[in-house]
N, C-alpha and C. Protein backbone atom coordinates (compact mmCIF):
# COMPACT_ATOMS: atom_id res chain seq x y z
N MET A 1 177.26 145.99 169.55
CA MET A 1 176.93 146.30 168.22
C MET A 1 175.27 146.07 168.67
N ASN A 2 174.56 146.88 168.15
CA ASN A 2 173.03 146.34 168.14
C ASN A 2 172.24 145.88 167.33
N HIS A 3 170.96 146.11 167.18
CA HIS A 3 170.24 145.11 165.99
C HIS A 3 170.19 145.43 165.35
N LEU A 4 170.40 146.72 164.45
CA LEU A 4 171.22 146.70 163.34
C LEU A 4 172.76 145.80 162.40
N ALA A 5 173.27 145.65 163.75
CA ALA A 5 174.24 145.75 162.94
C ALA A 5 174.00 144.21 163.15
N HIS A 6 173.70 143.52 164.07
CA HIS A 6 174.11 142.19 163.95
C HIS A 6 172.94 141.52 163.04
N ALA A 7 171.88 142.41 162.74
CA ALA A 7 170.79 141.67 161.31
C ALA A 7 171.33 141.96 159.87
N LEU A 8 172.51 143.18 159.90
CA LEU A 8 173.03 142.88 159.11
C LEU A 8 174.19 142.23 158.82
N LEU A 9 175.12 142.14 159.82
CA LEU A 9 176.58 141.04 160.07
C LEU A 9 176.12 139.39 159.54
N ALA A 10 174.81 139.22 160.26
CA ALA A 10 174.10 137.66 160.07
C ALA A 10 174.08 137.64 158.22
N GLY A 11 174.43 138.19 157.58
CA GLY A 11 173.70 138.48 155.55
C GLY A 11 173.06 138.48 155.43
N ASP A 12 172.30 137.62 154.14
CA ASP A 12 171.01 137.38 153.32
C ASP A 12 170.15 136.22 153.88
N GLU A 13 170.87 135.50 154.95
CA GLU A 13 169.57 134.01 154.93
C GLU A 13 169.00 134.86 156.40
N GLU A 14 167.71 134.60 156.42
CA GLU A 14 166.84 134.84 157.02
C GLU A 14 166.86 134.20 158.84
N ALA A 15 167.22 132.74 158.77
CA ALA A 15 167.71 132.45 159.71
C ALA A 15 168.71 132.77 160.91
N LEU A 16 169.61 133.17 160.15
CA LEU A 16 170.65 133.28 160.45
C LEU A 16 170.41 134.93 160.91
N ARG A 17 169.95 136.02 160.64
CA ARG A 17 169.53 137.15 160.67
C ARG A 17 168.19 136.91 161.66
N LEU A 18 167.47 136.35 161.94
CA LEU A 18 166.73 136.17 163.39
C LEU A 18 167.66 135.83 164.73
N GLY A 19 168.38 134.70 164.63
CA GLY A 19 169.86 134.42 165.44
C GLY A 19 170.43 135.82 165.73
N GLY A 20 170.86 136.78 164.63
CA GLY A 20 171.20 137.77 165.51
C GLY A 20 170.35 138.76 166.29
N MET A 21 168.57 138.95 165.87
CA MET A 21 167.96 139.26 166.46
C MET A 21 167.72 138.88 167.61
N LEU A 22 167.58 137.98 167.99
CA LEU A 22 167.38 137.00 169.02
C LEU A 22 168.73 136.22 170.06
N GLY A 23 169.38 136.89 169.57
CA GLY A 23 170.96 137.08 170.35
C GLY A 23 170.59 137.92 171.92
N ASP A 24 170.19 139.12 171.87
CA ASP A 24 169.88 139.63 173.24
C ASP A 24 168.67 139.35 174.03
N PHE A 25 168.17 138.00 173.47
CA PHE A 25 166.92 137.95 174.27
C PHE A 25 166.83 136.70 174.54
N VAL A 26 167.46 136.33 174.38
CA VAL A 26 168.19 134.32 174.36
C VAL A 26 169.29 134.54 175.01
N HIS A 27 169.10 134.12 176.39
CA HIS A 27 170.40 133.48 177.64
C HIS A 27 170.54 132.33 178.21
N GLY A 28 172.09 132.12 178.32
CA GLY A 28 172.01 130.79 178.71
C GLY A 28 172.36 129.89 177.49
N PRO A 29 172.51 128.41 177.38
CA PRO A 29 173.00 128.14 176.80
C PRO A 29 172.16 127.50 175.36
N VAL A 30 172.81 127.70 174.03
CA VAL A 30 171.58 127.89 173.34
C VAL A 30 171.20 126.60 172.74
N ASN A 31 171.77 125.90 173.43
CA ASN A 31 171.06 124.10 172.83
C ASN A 31 170.15 123.49 173.53
N ALA A 32 169.83 124.13 174.17
CA ALA A 32 168.86 123.91 175.12
C ALA A 32 167.44 125.00 174.71
N ALA A 33 167.66 125.36 173.79
CA ALA A 33 166.46 126.33 172.96
C ALA A 33 166.02 125.72 172.05
N PRO A 34 163.64 125.65 172.04
CA PRO A 34 163.58 124.93 170.78
C PRO A 34 163.53 125.98 169.73
N LEU A 35 164.78 126.27 168.90
CA LEU A 35 164.99 126.39 167.87
C LEU A 35 165.88 125.92 166.94
N PRO A 36 165.26 126.24 165.80
CA PRO A 36 165.98 125.69 164.42
C PRO A 36 167.22 125.61 164.52
N PRO A 37 167.93 125.06 163.57
CA PRO A 37 170.03 125.17 164.23
C PRO A 37 170.20 126.41 163.30
N ARG A 38 169.40 126.90 162.18
CA ARG A 38 169.99 127.71 161.81
C ARG A 38 169.91 129.62 162.66
N VAL A 39 168.71 129.11 163.35
CA VAL A 39 168.63 130.38 164.06
C VAL A 39 169.31 130.56 164.98
N ILE A 40 169.84 128.60 165.51
CA ILE A 40 170.81 128.79 166.69
C ILE A 40 172.28 129.51 166.15
N ALA A 41 172.19 129.04 165.00
CA ALA A 41 173.85 129.99 164.37
C ALA A 41 173.59 130.87 164.48
N GLY A 42 172.63 131.65 164.35
CA GLY A 42 172.54 133.21 164.17
C GLY A 42 173.09 133.67 165.64
N ILE A 43 172.02 132.79 166.46
CA ILE A 43 172.25 133.89 168.15
C ILE A 43 173.98 133.35 168.43
N ARG A 44 174.62 132.10 168.10
CA ARG A 44 176.07 131.49 168.38
C ARG A 44 176.47 133.03 167.30
N LEU A 45 176.33 133.06 166.55
CA LEU A 45 177.29 134.93 165.13
C LEU A 45 177.21 135.75 166.09
N HIS A 46 175.63 135.79 166.86
CA HIS A 46 175.43 137.40 167.63
C HIS A 46 176.87 137.22 168.59
N ARG A 47 177.04 136.44 169.55
CA ARG A 47 177.56 136.56 170.47
C ARG A 47 179.48 136.66 170.28
N ALA A 48 179.63 135.61 168.94
CA ALA A 48 180.78 135.59 168.70
C ALA A 48 181.29 137.44 168.16
N ILE A 49 180.13 137.96 167.70
CA ILE A 49 180.40 139.02 167.10
C ILE A 49 180.85 140.30 168.18
N ASP A 50 179.79 139.95 169.62
CA ASP A 50 179.53 140.70 170.72
C ASP A 50 181.17 140.49 171.33
N VAL A 51 181.83 139.13 171.34
CA VAL A 51 183.23 139.16 171.70
C VAL A 51 183.76 139.58 171.45
N TYR A 52 183.61 139.75 169.63
CA TYR A 52 184.73 139.85 168.92
C TYR A 52 184.90 141.77 169.15
N THR A 53 183.98 142.30 169.44
CA THR A 53 183.66 143.52 169.30
C THR A 53 184.26 144.26 170.78
N ASP A 54 183.84 143.44 171.80
CA ASP A 54 184.58 144.31 172.96
C ASP A 54 186.03 143.79 173.20
N ALA A 55 186.83 143.05 172.69
CA ALA A 55 188.19 143.31 172.31
C ALA A 55 188.86 144.20 171.75
N HIS A 56 187.97 144.71 170.30
CA HIS A 56 188.96 144.94 169.05
C HIS A 56 190.00 146.03 170.02
N PRO A 57 190.78 146.78 169.03
CA PRO A 57 191.80 147.66 169.70
C PRO A 57 190.83 149.37 169.48
N GLU A 58 190.01 149.03 168.34
CA GLU A 58 189.50 150.63 168.09
C GLU A 58 188.25 150.51 168.59
N VAL A 59 187.59 149.68 169.45
CA VAL A 59 186.61 149.59 170.49
C VAL A 59 187.11 149.71 171.66
N LEU A 60 188.19 149.52 171.84
CA LEU A 60 189.03 150.06 173.39
C LEU A 60 189.40 151.55 173.67
N ALA A 61 189.82 151.97 172.45
CA ALA A 61 190.14 153.22 171.67
C ALA A 61 188.86 154.32 171.79
N ALA A 62 188.03 153.49 171.85
CA ALA A 62 187.18 154.39 171.83
C ALA A 62 186.01 154.53 173.22
N ARG A 63 186.72 153.73 173.84
CA ARG A 63 185.66 153.68 175.23
C ARG A 63 186.43 154.12 175.79
N THR A 64 187.99 154.54 175.78
CA THR A 64 188.65 155.78 176.49
C THR A 64 188.36 157.39 176.25
N LEU A 65 187.39 157.39 175.26
CA LEU A 65 186.87 158.49 174.87
C LEU A 65 185.42 158.97 175.76
N LEU A 66 184.83 158.46 176.44
CA LEU A 66 184.02 158.69 177.17
C LEU A 66 184.67 158.87 178.77
N PRO A 67 183.89 160.14 179.54
CA PRO A 67 184.37 160.39 180.52
C PRO A 67 183.69 159.81 181.28
N ALA A 68 183.66 159.92 182.93
CA ALA A 68 183.23 159.15 183.81
C ALA A 68 182.37 160.36 184.19
N PRO A 69 180.37 159.77 184.21
CA PRO A 69 180.50 158.83 184.45
C PRO A 69 179.62 157.66 183.46
N TYR A 70 180.16 157.78 182.23
CA TYR A 70 179.83 157.49 180.78
C TYR A 70 180.69 156.27 180.95
N ARG A 71 181.70 156.25 180.79
CA ARG A 71 182.44 154.96 180.35
C ARG A 71 182.68 153.68 181.27
N ARG A 72 181.42 153.63 182.75
CA ARG A 72 180.73 152.41 182.89
C ARG A 72 180.02 151.84 181.69
N TYR A 73 179.54 152.70 181.15
CA TYR A 73 178.42 152.01 180.64
C TYR A 73 178.58 151.91 178.93
N ALA A 74 179.76 152.47 178.23
CA ALA A 74 180.57 152.67 177.34
C ALA A 74 180.05 151.18 176.58
N GLY A 75 179.81 150.08 176.58
CA GLY A 75 179.28 149.04 175.99
C GLY A 75 177.78 149.20 175.19
N ILE A 76 176.86 149.21 175.95
CA ILE A 76 176.02 150.58 175.64
C ILE A 76 175.99 151.48 174.74
N LEU A 77 176.55 152.47 175.02
CA LEU A 77 176.15 153.31 174.46
C LEU A 77 176.85 153.32 173.11
N LEU A 78 178.42 152.40 172.98
CA LEU A 78 178.95 152.28 171.45
C LEU A 78 178.33 151.16 170.09
N ASP A 79 177.45 151.00 171.21
CA ASP A 79 176.28 149.55 170.65
C ASP A 79 175.77 150.19 169.98
N MET A 80 174.86 151.70 170.44
CA MET A 80 173.61 152.29 170.29
C MET A 80 174.58 153.03 169.39
N TRP A 81 175.34 153.76 169.41
CA TRP A 81 176.20 155.23 168.69
C TRP A 81 176.79 154.70 167.46
N PHE A 82 177.45 153.08 167.81
CA PHE A 82 177.71 152.72 166.25
C PHE A 82 176.48 152.16 165.18
N ASP A 83 175.50 151.78 166.08
CA ASP A 83 174.64 151.27 165.25
C ASP A 83 173.58 153.22 164.48
N HIS A 84 173.88 153.93 164.88
CA HIS A 84 173.08 155.01 164.54
C HIS A 84 174.50 155.69 163.58
N CYS A 85 175.70 155.11 163.47
CA CYS A 85 176.80 155.49 162.72
C CYS A 85 177.09 154.39 161.16
N LEU A 86 176.44 153.18 161.58
CA LEU A 86 175.45 152.33 160.42
C LEU A 86 174.60 153.06 159.68
N ALA A 87 173.64 153.29 160.30
CA ALA A 87 172.30 153.98 160.12
C ALA A 87 172.48 155.25 158.37
N ARG A 88 173.19 155.91 159.31
CA ARG A 88 173.43 157.31 158.96
C ARG A 88 174.14 156.79 157.67
N ASP A 89 174.96 156.06 157.26
CA ASP A 89 175.94 155.45 156.40
C ASP A 89 175.06 154.41 155.55
N PHE A 90 174.48 153.58 155.83
CA PHE A 90 174.01 152.53 155.18
C PHE A 90 174.38 151.83 153.96
N PRO A 91 173.73 153.35 152.67
CA PRO A 91 174.13 152.81 151.79
C PRO A 91 175.49 152.47 151.26
N GLN A 92 176.30 153.03 152.42
CA GLN A 92 178.09 152.47 152.44
C GLN A 92 178.07 151.12 152.62
N TRP A 93 177.32 150.19 153.70
CA TRP A 93 177.07 148.96 153.55
C TRP A 93 176.32 148.17 153.02
N SER A 94 174.85 148.53 152.66
CA SER A 94 174.19 147.64 151.68
C SER A 94 173.30 148.76 150.94
N ALA A 95 173.42 147.61 149.74
CA ALA A 95 172.39 148.28 148.40
C ALA A 95 170.99 148.44 148.85
N GLN A 96 170.55 147.63 149.92
CA GLN A 96 169.08 147.74 150.68
C GLN A 96 169.13 149.33 150.66
N PRO A 97 168.39 149.87 150.37
CA PRO A 97 167.69 151.19 151.01
C PRO A 97 167.55 150.90 152.99
N LEU A 98 167.99 151.58 153.32
CA LEU A 98 167.82 151.65 154.91
C LEU A 98 165.99 151.59 155.42
N ALA A 99 164.96 152.32 154.61
CA ALA A 99 163.57 152.19 155.19
C ALA A 99 163.12 150.75 154.67
N GLU A 100 163.70 150.14 153.23
CA GLU A 100 163.30 149.01 152.60
C GLU A 100 163.82 148.12 154.00
N TYR A 101 165.43 147.54 154.06
CA TYR A 101 166.25 146.67 154.70
C TYR A 101 164.93 147.05 156.44
N SER A 102 165.51 147.88 157.29
CA SER A 102 164.25 148.21 158.39
C SER A 102 163.00 147.60 158.59
N ALA A 103 161.84 147.75 156.82
CA ALA A 103 160.65 147.06 157.23
C ALA A 103 160.45 145.47 157.52
N ALA A 104 161.87 145.26 155.99
CA ALA A 104 161.99 143.64 155.53
C ALA A 104 162.43 142.89 157.58
N LEU A 105 163.41 143.27 158.15
CA LEU A 105 163.82 142.67 159.37
C LEU A 105 162.68 143.23 160.17
N ARG A 106 161.53 144.23 160.64
CA ARG A 106 160.22 143.84 161.16
C ARG A 106 159.41 142.83 160.71
N ALA A 107 158.98 143.09 159.57
CA ALA A 107 158.28 141.71 158.66
C ALA A 107 158.58 140.27 159.33
N LEU A 108 160.15 140.21 159.48
CA LEU A 108 161.17 138.69 159.69
C LEU A 108 159.89 138.52 161.36
N LEU A 109 160.69 139.48 162.03
CA LEU A 109 159.96 139.04 162.86
C LEU A 109 158.51 139.05 163.31
N TRP A 110 157.65 139.11 162.57
CA TRP A 110 156.70 139.23 162.64
C TRP A 110 155.89 137.69 162.27
N ARG A 111 156.88 137.74 161.56
CA ARG A 111 156.95 136.07 160.37
C ARG A 111 157.17 134.78 160.73
N GLN A 112 157.86 135.43 161.98
CA GLN A 112 158.53 134.09 162.78
C GLN A 112 158.10 134.40 164.70
N ASP A 113 157.09 134.91 164.37
CA ASP A 113 156.27 135.38 165.87
C ASP A 113 156.68 133.67 166.88
N ALA A 114 156.38 132.93 166.66
CA ALA A 114 156.26 131.63 167.17
C ALA A 114 157.28 131.25 167.96
N LEU A 115 158.73 131.95 167.19
CA LEU A 115 160.09 131.79 167.94
C LEU A 115 160.53 132.47 169.08
N LEU A 116 160.07 133.93 168.94
CA LEU A 116 159.60 135.31 169.85
C LEU A 116 159.70 135.12 170.84
N PRO A 117 160.38 134.97 171.87
CA PRO A 117 160.20 135.34 173.85
C PRO A 117 159.70 136.46 174.03
N PRO A 118 158.74 136.63 174.55
CA PRO A 118 157.91 137.44 174.69
C PRO A 118 159.06 139.14 174.95
N ALA A 119 159.83 139.58 175.65
CA ALA A 119 160.63 140.44 175.63
C ALA A 119 161.25 141.05 174.12
N LEU A 120 160.83 140.23 173.15
CA LEU A 120 161.33 140.51 171.84
C LEU A 120 160.01 140.75 171.04
N ARG A 121 158.81 140.28 171.94
CA ARG A 121 157.44 140.63 171.29
C ARG A 121 158.02 142.23 171.10
N ARG A 122 157.35 142.57 172.80
CA ARG A 122 157.87 143.34 172.63
C ARG A 122 157.99 144.79 172.26
N PHE A 123 159.84 144.65 172.55
CA PHE A 123 160.82 144.91 171.74
C PHE A 123 159.85 145.64 170.12
N ARG A 124 159.88 144.34 169.76
CA ARG A 124 158.71 144.17 168.34
C ARG A 124 158.02 145.14 167.89
N GLY A 125 157.37 145.42 169.13
CA GLY A 125 156.38 146.54 169.42
C GLY A 125 156.92 148.03 169.18
N TYR A 126 157.79 148.24 170.07
CA TYR A 126 158.84 149.53 169.99
C TYR A 126 159.44 149.73 168.72
N MET A 127 159.52 148.97 167.80
CA MET A 127 160.03 148.98 166.35
C MET A 127 159.19 149.66 165.93
N GLU A 128 158.54 149.06 165.92
CA GLU A 128 157.15 149.23 164.64
C GLU A 128 156.95 151.16 165.22
N THR A 129 156.76 150.87 166.32
CA THR A 129 155.94 152.12 167.11
C THR A 129 157.49 153.03 166.69
N HIS A 130 158.63 153.25 166.43
CA HIS A 130 159.66 154.09 166.70
C HIS A 130 160.09 153.92 164.98
N GLY A 131 159.58 153.28 164.18
CA GLY A 131 160.68 153.02 162.43
C GLY A 131 161.95 152.32 163.38
N LEU A 132 161.99 151.69 163.96
CA LEU A 132 163.37 151.32 164.03
C LEU A 132 163.63 149.69 163.21
N PRO A 133 165.25 149.84 162.65
CA PRO A 133 165.99 150.22 163.27
C PRO A 133 166.33 151.70 161.86
N ALA A 134 165.65 152.02 161.50
CA ALA A 134 166.12 153.04 160.56
C ALA A 134 165.66 154.57 161.16
N ALA A 135 165.46 154.93 161.98
CA ALA A 135 164.68 155.71 162.99
C ALA A 135 166.47 155.46 163.47
N TYR A 136 167.64 155.27 164.01
CA TYR A 136 168.73 155.48 164.38
C TYR A 136 169.71 156.63 163.37
N THR A 137 169.16 156.29 162.72
CA THR A 137 169.53 157.80 161.84
C THR A 137 169.48 159.09 162.78
N ASP A 138 168.21 159.18 162.87
CA ASP A 138 168.32 160.70 163.76
C ASP A 138 168.56 160.53 165.18
N ASP A 139 169.27 161.61 165.38
CA ASP A 139 169.43 161.67 166.92
C ASP A 139 168.87 161.56 167.80
N ALA A 140 167.84 162.64 167.95
CA ALA A 140 166.70 162.86 168.66
C ALA A 140 166.26 160.65 169.18
N MET A 141 166.14 160.22 167.93
CA MET A 141 165.33 159.05 168.26
C MET A 141 167.07 158.18 168.91
N LEU A 142 167.90 158.48 169.09
CA LEU A 142 169.05 157.57 169.96
C LEU A 142 168.86 157.97 171.57
N GLY A 143 168.32 159.19 171.49
CA GLY A 143 168.57 160.05 173.04
C GLY A 143 167.36 159.20 173.14
N VAL A 144 166.00 159.21 172.47
CA VAL A 144 164.79 158.07 173.61
C VAL A 144 165.30 157.00 173.46
N ALA A 145 165.63 156.64 172.81
CA ALA A 145 166.38 154.65 172.83
C ALA A 145 167.39 154.96 174.33
N LEU A 146 168.34 155.58 173.68
CA LEU A 146 169.13 155.33 175.51
C LEU A 146 168.40 155.56 176.91
N GLY A 147 167.38 156.50 176.90
CA GLY A 147 167.29 156.63 177.83
C GLY A 147 165.93 155.52 178.77
N GLY A 148 165.42 155.32 176.92
CA GLY A 148 164.59 153.78 177.18
C GLY A 148 165.89 153.10 177.87
N ILE A 149 166.74 152.78 177.34
CA ILE A 149 168.07 151.80 178.22
C ILE A 149 167.92 152.02 179.48
N GLY A 150 168.27 153.30 180.19
CA GLY A 150 168.10 153.21 180.97
C GLY A 150 167.18 153.40 182.43
N GLN A 151 166.11 153.74 181.57
CA GLN A 151 165.24 153.30 182.17
C GLN A 151 164.84 151.52 182.75
N ARG A 152 165.55 150.50 181.99
CA ARG A 152 165.02 149.18 182.87
C ARG A 152 166.13 148.80 183.17
N LEU A 153 167.22 149.32 183.14
CA LEU A 153 169.18 148.99 183.96
C LEU A 153 167.89 149.21 185.38
N ARG A 154 168.48 148.52 186.63
CA ARG A 154 168.57 148.72 187.60
C ARG A 154 168.82 149.23 188.37
N ARG A 155 170.30 149.96 188.17
CA ARG A 155 170.30 151.29 189.03
C ARG A 155 170.68 152.43 188.55
N ALA A 156 170.68 153.56 189.15
CA ALA A 156 170.74 154.54 188.93
C ALA A 156 171.84 154.78 187.64
N ASN A 157 171.70 155.51 186.50
CA ASN A 157 173.13 155.58 185.17
C ASN A 157 172.60 156.96 184.65
N PRO A 158 173.26 157.48 184.37
CA PRO A 158 173.39 158.56 183.38
C PRO A 158 173.15 158.41 181.87
N LEU A 159 172.66 157.29 180.78
CA LEU A 159 172.01 156.49 179.99
C LEU A 159 171.61 157.91 179.12
N ALA A 160 170.68 158.24 179.95
CA ALA A 160 169.34 159.43 179.44
C ALA A 160 170.51 160.82 179.51
N SER A 161 171.24 161.20 179.28
CA SER A 161 171.72 162.20 179.42
C SER A 161 173.54 161.94 178.60
N ALA A 162 173.14 160.93 177.80
CA ALA A 162 174.31 160.44 177.20
C ALA A 162 174.91 161.29 175.59
N LEU A 163 173.58 161.17 175.49
CA LEU A 163 173.66 162.01 173.23
C LEU A 163 174.64 162.80 173.77
N PRO A 164 174.60 164.43 174.05
CA PRO A 164 175.32 165.03 174.21
C PRO A 164 176.42 164.59 174.05
N VAL A 165 177.36 164.35 175.06
CA VAL A 165 178.58 163.43 175.43
C VAL A 165 179.00 162.89 174.19
N LEU A 166 178.29 161.50 173.41
CA LEU A 166 178.30 161.11 172.48
C LEU A 166 178.78 162.25 171.19
N GLN A 167 177.64 163.08 171.04
CA GLN A 167 177.35 164.34 169.96
C GLN A 167 178.88 164.94 169.95
N GLN A 168 179.37 165.06 171.14
CA GLN A 168 180.68 165.96 171.42
C GLN A 168 181.47 165.69 170.44
N ARG A 169 181.11 164.05 170.95
CA ARG A 169 182.72 163.25 170.21
C ARG A 169 182.35 162.17 168.85
N GLU A 170 181.85 163.30 168.22
CA GLU A 170 181.31 162.50 167.16
C GLU A 170 181.94 161.76 165.94
N ALA A 171 183.30 163.35 165.59
CA ALA A 171 184.58 162.64 164.83
C ALA A 171 185.35 161.85 164.83
N GLN A 172 185.78 161.67 166.12
CA GLN A 172 186.12 160.74 167.04
C GLN A 172 185.94 159.43 166.27
N LEU A 173 184.85 159.22 167.25
CA LEU A 173 183.70 158.16 167.54
C LEU A 173 183.43 157.38 165.81
N GLN A 174 183.42 158.56 164.62
CA GLN A 174 183.07 158.14 163.65
C GLN A 174 184.07 157.59 162.73
N GLN A 175 185.28 158.13 163.46
CA GLN A 175 186.60 157.47 163.18
C GLN A 175 187.14 155.97 163.07
N ARG A 176 186.65 155.96 164.40
CA ARG A 176 187.46 154.47 165.43
C ARG A 176 185.95 153.23 164.56
N PHE A 177 184.49 153.86 164.53
CA PHE A 177 183.79 152.89 163.65
C PHE A 177 184.54 152.28 162.22
N GLU A 178 184.45 153.39 161.62
CA GLU A 178 184.89 153.15 160.40
C GLU A 178 186.34 152.54 160.14
N ALA A 179 187.41 152.78 161.28
CA ALA A 179 188.40 151.65 161.36
C ALA A 179 188.05 150.28 161.56
N PHE A 180 186.96 149.99 162.56
CA PHE A 180 186.72 148.89 162.78
C PHE A 180 185.33 148.25 162.21
N PHE A 181 184.44 148.69 161.51
CA PHE A 181 183.55 147.45 161.04
C PHE A 181 184.28 147.14 159.57
N PRO A 182 184.60 147.69 159.00
CA PRO A 182 185.22 146.51 157.96
C PRO A 182 185.38 145.21 158.34
N GLU A 183 186.44 145.86 159.57
CA GLU A 183 187.05 144.16 159.73
C GLU A 183 186.33 143.05 160.49
N LEU A 184 185.09 143.87 161.54
CA LEU A 184 183.74 143.15 161.97
C LEU A 184 183.22 143.06 161.19
N ARG A 185 183.13 143.07 159.54
CA ARG A 185 182.16 142.24 158.75
C ARG A 185 182.76 141.73 158.20
N GLU A 186 184.44 141.41 158.11
CA GLU A 186 184.81 140.29 158.09
C GLU A 186 184.70 139.05 158.25
N PHE A 187 185.16 139.91 159.70
CA PHE A 187 185.35 138.61 160.81
C PHE A 187 183.98 137.65 160.47
N ALA A 188 182.57 138.79 160.86
CA ALA A 188 181.30 138.04 160.64
C ALA A 188 181.06 136.92 159.23
N ARG A 189 181.66 137.90 158.10
CA ARG A 189 181.94 136.45 156.44
C ARG A 189 182.83 135.15 157.49
N GLU A 190 183.92 135.18 157.94
CA GLU A 190 184.51 134.27 158.05
C GLU A 190 183.41 133.57 159.05
N TRP A 191 183.40 133.65 159.90
CA TRP A 191 182.86 132.70 161.42
C TRP A 191 181.49 132.22 160.23
N VAL A 192 180.77 132.87 159.46
CA VAL A 192 179.27 131.81 159.24
C VAL A 192 180.01 131.38 158.22
N GLY A 193 181.02 131.72 157.46
CA GLY A 193 182.23 130.95 156.42
C GLY A 193 182.65 129.16 156.69
N THR A 194 182.99 129.48 158.44
CA THR A 194 183.59 128.52 159.23
C THR A 194 182.47 127.79 159.57
N HIS A 195 181.63 128.33 160.53
CA HIS A 195 181.04 127.62 161.62
C HIS A 195 178.88 127.49 161.44
N ALA A 196 178.93 128.25 160.56
CA ALA A 196 177.54 127.75 159.99
C ALA A 196 177.24 127.56 159.38
N GLN A 197 177.65 126.39 158.23
CA GLN A 197 177.26 125.61 156.90
C GLN A 197 177.00 124.41 156.90
């Protein structure tokens, strides 16, 4: 899952939500990170969500929908596409309007600037410029984001040309997302109840 999903799945507690955002930017053992314990719990939740997602039967089935050479990058593509599905249908998953939620998430990153690694500070600027994560509702913005990710990868890759491939499979991917996301949400709730108390 991508940033919008990780933030939403962390629930209403800001420290867990911040940890959800930090999850892609903090590497290695989190005990060594100079972060508050609840933020560390949010990073652990992010990692647990990633492990759960990668092994989920609906996600594995969604991967098979992608042809070569895109299947090799299915993890990235599905993370981004599922955030697109989440953003597009946000009222189904949250009582808060997407634009308001998105602005609040960016505001959280500004308030917690001292805790952000340089890469997340740079990404925060990108989020501001493009109105993310709310702008993930827009197919064109999703294409721009995929192209940007592709440029940051070290080896040549097809991410910049992936949007039409995803759009052609929209109905099938939506079906997989709708079967998967409620189970992921329940997993995240249980994880928080068990590990983040």
